[in-house]
């Protein structure tokens, strides 16, 4: 049985997984913000017409 807290495959894999999840969350937030910004512009343009 390998101790997962020792320097080895498990901690680095775990950290990579965390990084990946954080990146995905950030990408989703950015996409959401862009979508909201474009949506607002679209509605403002529609309101002007």
C-alpha atoms as a PDB file:
ATOM      1  CA  UNK A   1       0.000   0.000   0.000  1.00  0.00           C
ATOM      2  CA  UNK A   2       1.470   3.342  -1.061  1.00  0.00           C
ATOM      3  CA  UNK A   3       1.048   6.259   1.320  1.00  0.00           C
ATOM      4  CA  UNK A   4      -0.844   8.881  -0.720  1.00  0.00           C
ATOM      5  CA  UNK A   5       0.625  11.719   1.355  1.00  0.00           C
ATOM      6  CA  UNK A   6       4.185  10.844   0.326  1.00  0.00           C
ATOM      7  CA  UNK A   7       5.692  12.535  -2.708  1.00  0.00           C
ATOM      8  CA  UNK A   8       4.519  10.410  -5.598  1.00  0.00           C
ATOM      9  CA  UNK A   9       1.896  10.029  -8.280  1.00  0.00           C
ATOM     10  CA  UNK A  10      -1.167  10.616  -6.114  1.00  0.00           C
ATOM     11  CA  UNK A  11      -0.526  14.178  -4.825  1.00  0.00           C
ATOM     12  CA  UNK A  12       0.592  15.523  -8.209  1.00  0.00           C
ATOM     13  CA  UNK A  13      -2.380  13.894  -9.909  1.00  0.00           C
ATOM     14  CA  UNK A  14      -4.667  15.356  -7.262  1.00  0.00           C
ATOM     15  CA  UNK A  15      -3.159  18.825  -7.772  1.00  0.00           C
ATOM     16  CA  UNK A  16      -3.515  18.531 -11.551  1.00  0.00           C
ATOM     17  CA  UNK A  17      -7.158  17.560 -11.072  1.00  0.00           C
ATOM     18  CA  UNK A  18      -7.727  20.605  -8.828  1.00  0.00           C
ATOM     19  CA  UNK A  19      -6.003  22.896 -11.345  1.00  0.00           C
ATOM     20  CA  UNK A  20      -8.102  21.451 -14.150  1.00  0.00           C
ATOM     21  CA  UNK A  21     -11.314  21.994 -12.173  1.00  0.00           C
ATOM     22  CA  UNK A  22     -10.304  25.575 -11.337  1.00  0.00           C
ATOM     23  CA  UNK A  23      -9.451  26.292 -14.975  1.00  0.00           C
ATOM     24  CA  UNK A  24     -12.784  24.878 -16.102  1.00  0.00           C
ATOM     25  CA  UNK A  25     -14.626  27.028 -13.549  1.00  0.00           C
ATOM     26  CA  UNK A  26     -12.712  30.142 -14.670  1.00  0.00           C
ATOM     27  CA  UNK A  27     -13.433  29.366 -18.340  1.00  0.00           C
ATOM     28  CA  UNK A  28     -17.127  28.930 -17.544  1.00  0.00           C
ATOM     29  CA  UNK A  29     -17.191  32.237 -15.640  1.00  0.00           C
ATOM     30  CA  UNK A  30     -15.465  34.065 -18.510  1.00  0.00           C
ATOM     31  CA  UNK A  31     -17.857  32.522 -21.037  1.00  0.00           C
ATOM     32  CA  UNK A  32     -20.814  33.515 -18.858  1.00  0.00           C
ATOM     33  CA  UNK A  33     -19.543  37.104 -18.519  1.00  0.00           C
ATOM     34  CA  UNK A  34     -18.975  37.408 -22.279  1.00  0.00           C
ATOM     35  CA  UNK A  35     -22.439  35.986 -22.929  1.00  0.00           C
ATOM     36  CA  UNK A  36     -23.999  38.446 -20.464  1.00  0.00           C
ATOM     37  CA  UNK A  37     -22.117  41.393 -21.983  1.00  0.00           C
ATOM     38  CA  UNK A  38     -23.153  40.442 -25.520  1.00  0.00           C
ATOM     39  CA  UNK A  39     -26.705  39.820 -24.335  1.00  0.00           C
ATOM     40  CA  UNK A  40     -26.900  43.288 -22.768  1.00  0.00           C
ATOM     41  CA  UNK A  41     -25.526  44.932 -25.926  1.00  0.00           C
ATOM     42  CA  UNK A  42     -27.988  42.956 -28.023  1.00  0.00           C
ATOM     43  CA  UNK A  43     -30.946  44.034 -25.885  1.00  0.00           C
ATOM     44  CA  UNK A  44     -29.789  47.664 -25.820  1.00  0.00           C
ATOM     45  CA  UNK A  45     -29.496  47.651 -29.607  1.00  0.00           C
ATOM     46  CA  UNK A  46     -32.942  46.084 -29.916  1.00  0.00           C
ATOM     47  CA  UNK A  47     -34.415  48.662 -27.549  1.00  0.00           C
ATOM     48  CA  UNK A  48     -33.000  51.517 -29.646  1.00  0.00           C
ATOM     49  CA  UNK A  49     -34.674  50.277 -32.846  1.00  0.00           C
END
